[in-house]
């Protein structure tokens, strides 16, 4: 045997007095029990951690889905474009309303002016303001009927031009000694021919 082996055997014999197998068994059993408890605690902690990770993953997926823009909601650019269009439409409508209000105010002012003018005209009596000459009115009516009187140098009626319905022009002089009735009959006869 070599020295090393002898030294090893000697060291083992010295250790035999120090080693207590029962105490070592209890220490090993306690260590195994502690390791089992630690392993069970770690396994439970691992299961709880996996459960929390699954819950957080579901929450993350739900948050991702809720944060995604649905297809029915317009994009930010489309929303901005829509807002711009609505602003332009609002401005044009405001302008149209202002124009309509201005036109309405103008028409109301004109209506008020016309009502005032009507009340002024209704209050006035043109017949009292002017001396009406019935002769001029009668002459105009005769002319419209086709009779046009021609005055002589003395200012009296000398002859009558009669325009017939057919468009012919007749001249009747008042120098004969016919009655007014006969002249009237003659004039109406010529006018209706």
Protein backbone atom coordinates (compact mmCIF):
# COMPACT_ATOMS: atom_id res chain seq x y z
CA UNK A 1 0.00 0.00 0.00
CA UNK A 2 1.16 3.26 -0.71
CA UNK A 3 1.40 6.19 1.66
CA UNK A 4 -1.51 7.92 0.19
CA UNK A 5 -3.75 5.04 0.71
CA UNK A 6 -2.56 4.63 4.30
CA UNK A 7 -3.18 8.28 4.95
CA UNK A 8 -6.64 8.00 3.51
CA UNK A 9 -7.49 4.96 5.62
CA UNK A 10 -6.14 6.70 8.71
CA UNK A 11 -8.21 9.78 7.95
CA UNK A 12 -11.31 7.63 7.49
CA UNK A 13 -10.81 5.90 10.81
CA UNK A 14 -10.45 9.18 12.57
CA UNK A 15 -13.63 10.38 10.95
CA UNK A 16 -15.61 7.33 12.02
CA UNK A 17 -15.60 8.66 15.54
CA UNK A 18 -16.89 11.97 14.35
CA UNK A 19 -19.60 10.61 12.02
CA UNK A 20 -22.99 9.81 13.59
CA UNK A 21 -25.13 8.03 10.98
CA UNK A 22 -28.42 8.65 12.77
CA UNK A 23 -27.79 12.34 13.07
CA UNK A 24 -26.64 12.50 9.48
CA UNK A 25 -29.78 10.61 8.37
CA UNK A 26 -31.99 13.08 10.23
CA UNK A 27 -30.10 16.00 8.69
CA UNK A 28 -30.45 14.47 5.22
CA UNK A 29 -34.15 13.72 5.80
CA UNK A 30 -34.74 17.26 7.07
CA UNK A 31 -32.85 18.63 4.07
CA UNK A 32 -34.92 16.48 1.67
CA UNK A 33 -38.13 17.56 3.39
CA UNK A 34 -37.04 21.20 3.17
CA UNK A 35 -36.17 20.70 -0.50
CA UNK A 36 -39.59 19.09 -1.12
CA UNK A 37 -41.34 22.01 0.64
CA UNK A 38 -39.25 24.49 -1.33
CA UNK A 39 -39.96 22.61 -4.57
CA UNK A 40 -43.73 22.55 -3.77
CA UNK A 41 -43.66 26.29 -2.97
CA UNK A 42 -41.78 26.98 -6.22
CA UNK A 43 -44.21 24.81 -8.20
CA UNK A 44 -47.20 26.68 -6.70
CA UNK A 45 -45.49 30.01 -7.36
CA UNK A 46 -44.75 28.89 -10.93
CA UNK A 47 -48.40 27.87 -11.46
CA UNK A 48 -49.58 31.19 -10.03
CA UNK A 49 -47.11 33.03 -12.26
CA UNK A 50 -48.33 31.06 -15.32
CA UNK A 51 -51.92 31.87 -14.34
CA UNK A 52 -51.07 35.58 -13.99
CA UNK A 53 -49.21 35.52 -17.33
CA UNK A 54 -52.28 33.97 -19.03
CA UNK A 55 -54.55 36.58 -17.40
CA UNK A 56 -52.20 39.38 -18.46
CA UNK A 57 -51.99 37.92 -21.99
CA UNK A 58 -55.80 37.91 -22.24
CA UNK A 59 -55.90 41.48 -20.90
CA UNK A 60 -53.19 42.48 -23.40
CA UNK A 61 -55.14 40.91 -26.28
CA UNK A 62 -58.36 42.62 -25.15
CA UNK A 63 -56.49 45.94 -24.89
CA UNK A 64 -54.97 45.39 -28.34
CA UNK A 65 -58.42 44.65 -29.83
CA UNK A 66 -60.05 47.63 -28.09
CA UNK A 67 -57.23 49.96 -29.16
CA UNK A 68 -57.56 48.91 -32.81
CA UNK A 69 -59.73 51.27 -34.90
CA UNK A 70 -62.88 49.48 -36.06
CA UNK A 71 -63.43 49.44 -39.84
CA UNK A 72 -66.61 51.53 -39.46
CA UNK A 73 -64.72 54.41 -37.79
CA UNK A 74 -62.91 56.71 -40.26
CA UNK A 75 -59.19 57.21 -40.03
CA UNK A 76 -57.73 60.37 -38.52
CA UNK A 77 -57.11 61.80 -42.02
CA UNK A 78 -60.66 60.99 -43.12
CA UNK A 79 -62.02 62.51 -39.91
CA UNK A 80 -60.00 65.69 -40.48
CA UNK A 81 -61.18 65.87 -44.10
CA UNK A 82 -64.79 65.40 -42.98
CA UNK A 83 -64.40 68.14 -40.36
CA UNK A 84 -62.94 70.49 -43.00
CA UNK A 85 -65.84 69.76 -45.36
CA UNK A 86 -68.36 70.36 -42.59
CA UNK A 87 -66.64 73.64 -41.65
CA UNK A 88 -66.78 74.80 -45.28
CA UNK A 89 -70.43 73.78 -45.49
CA UNK A 90 -71.17 75.64 -42.25
CA UNK A 91 -69.44 78.77 -43.54
CA UNK A 92 -71.35 78.67 -46.83
CA UNK A 93 -74.62 78.15 -44.95
CA UNK A 94 -73.83 81.08 -42.63
CA UNK A 95 -73.09 83.24 -45.68
CA UNK A 96 -76.34 82.13 -47.35
CA UNK A 97 -78.27 82.89 -44.15
CA UNK A 98 -76.67 86.34 -43.92
CA UNK A 99 -77.47 87.01 -47.58
CA UNK A 100 -81.06 85.87 -47.05
CA UNK A 101 -81.35 88.04 -43.93
CA UNK A 102 -80.01 91.04 -45.86
CA UNK A 103 -82.42 90.40 -48.72
CA UNK A 104 -85.28 89.94 -46.25
CA UNK A 105 -84.41 93.18 -44.45
CA UNK A 106 -84.24 94.97 -47.82
CA UNK A 107 -87.63 93.56 -48.84
CA UNK A 108 -89.13 94.49 -45.47
CA UNK A 109 -87.82 98.05 -45.84
CA UNK A 110 -89.26 98.22 -49.36
CA UNK A 111 -92.57 96.80 -48.12
CA UNK A 112 -92.70 99.40 -45.33
CA UNK A 113 -91.94 102.16 -47.83
CA UNK A 114 -94.64 100.89 -50.20
CA UNK A 115 -97.17 100.62 -47.36
CA UNK A 116 -96.38 104.23 -46.39
CA UNK A 117 -96.75 105.27 -50.01
CA UNK A 118 -100.08 103.42 -50.29
CA UNK A 119 -101.42 105.05 -47.14
CA UNK A 120 -100.29 108.45 -48.45
CA UNK A 121 -101.94 107.80 -51.81
CA UNK A 122 -105.13 106.53 -50.16
CA UNK A 123 -105.25 109.61 -47.96
CA UNK A 124 -104.87 111.96 -50.92
CA UNK A 125 -107.73 112.84 -53.28
CA UNK A 126 -106.34 113.61 -56.75
CA UNK A 127 -109.69 114.92 -57.94
CA UNK A 128 -109.59 117.73 -55.40
CA UNK A 129 -105.97 118.52 -56.18
CA UNK A 130 -106.56 119.02 -59.90
CA UNK A 131 -109.23 120.66 -61.98
CA UNK A 132 -110.33 117.94 -64.33
CA UNK A 133 -111.49 118.88 -67.80
CA UNK A 134 -114.06 116.36 -68.96
CA UNK A 135 -113.73 117.61 -72.53
CA UNK A 136 -110.24 116.17 -72.95
CA UNK A 137 -111.41 112.86 -71.54
CA UNK A 138 -114.40 112.73 -73.88
CA UNK A 139 -112.21 113.58 -76.89
CA UNK A 140 -109.84 110.73 -75.99
CA UNK A 141 -112.77 108.32 -75.67
CA UNK A 142 -114.20 109.45 -79.03
CA UNK A 143 -110.83 108.98 -80.68
CA UNK A 144 -110.58 105.42 -79.28
CA UNK A 145 -114.03 104.69 -80.68
CA UNK A 146 -112.88 105.82 -84.14
CA UNK A 147 -114.21 109.43 -84.11
CA UNK A 148 -111.72 112.26 -84.48
CA UNK A 149 -113.19 115.77 -84.32
CA UNK A 150 -111.61 118.52 -86.44
CA UNK A 151 -112.11 122.07 -85.16
CA UNK A 152 -112.70 125.01 -87.42
CA UNK A 153 -110.97 128.40 -87.31
CA UNK A 154 -113.62 129.73 -84.99
CA UNK A 155 -112.91 126.95 -82.38
CA UNK A 156 -116.14 125.06 -83.11
CA UNK A 157 -116.48 121.55 -84.47
CA UNK A 158 -116.27 121.77 -88.27
CA UNK A 159 -116.06 118.11 -89.32
CA UNK A 160 -115.56 114.60 -87.94
CA UNK A 161 -113.19 111.96 -89.26
CA UNK A 162 -114.69 108.51 -88.77
CA UNK A 163 -112.56 105.36 -88.93
CA UNK A 164 -114.75 102.37 -89.73
CA UNK A 165 -114.33 98.82 -88.45
CA UNK A 166 -112.98 97.83 -91.88
CA UNK A 167 -110.29 100.50 -91.59
CA UNK A 168 -111.79 103.01 -94.08
CA UNK A 169 -111.66 106.72 -93.20
CA UNK A 170 -114.79 108.86 -93.78
CA UNK A 171 -115.19 112.60 -93.38
CA UNK A 172 -118.48 114.07 -92.20
CA UNK A 173 -118.98 117.86 -92.36
CA UNK A 174 -121.52 119.60 -90.16
CA UNK A 175 -122.67 122.27 -92.64
CA UNK A 176 -125.92 120.63 -93.67
CA UNK A 177 -129.11 121.30 -91.81
CA UNK A 178 -129.46 117.80 -90.36
CA UNK A 179 -130.51 117.24 -86.80
CA UNK A 180 -128.11 116.01 -84.12
CA UNK A 181 -129.96 112.69 -84.15
CA UNK A 182 -129.43 112.26 -87.91
CA UNK A 183 -125.73 113.13 -87.57
CA UNK A 184 -125.38 110.62 -84.73
CA UNK A 185 -127.02 107.90 -86.80
CA UNK A 186 -124.75 108.72 -89.75
CA UNK A 187 -121.58 108.67 -87.64
CA UNK A 188 -122.45 105.28 -86.03
CA UNK A 189 -123.37 103.85 -89.40
CA UNK A 190 -120.00 104.89 -90.89
CA UNK A 191 -118.08 103.64 -87.85
CA UNK A 192 -119.70 100.18 -87.96
CA UNK A 193 -119.21 99.69 -91.70
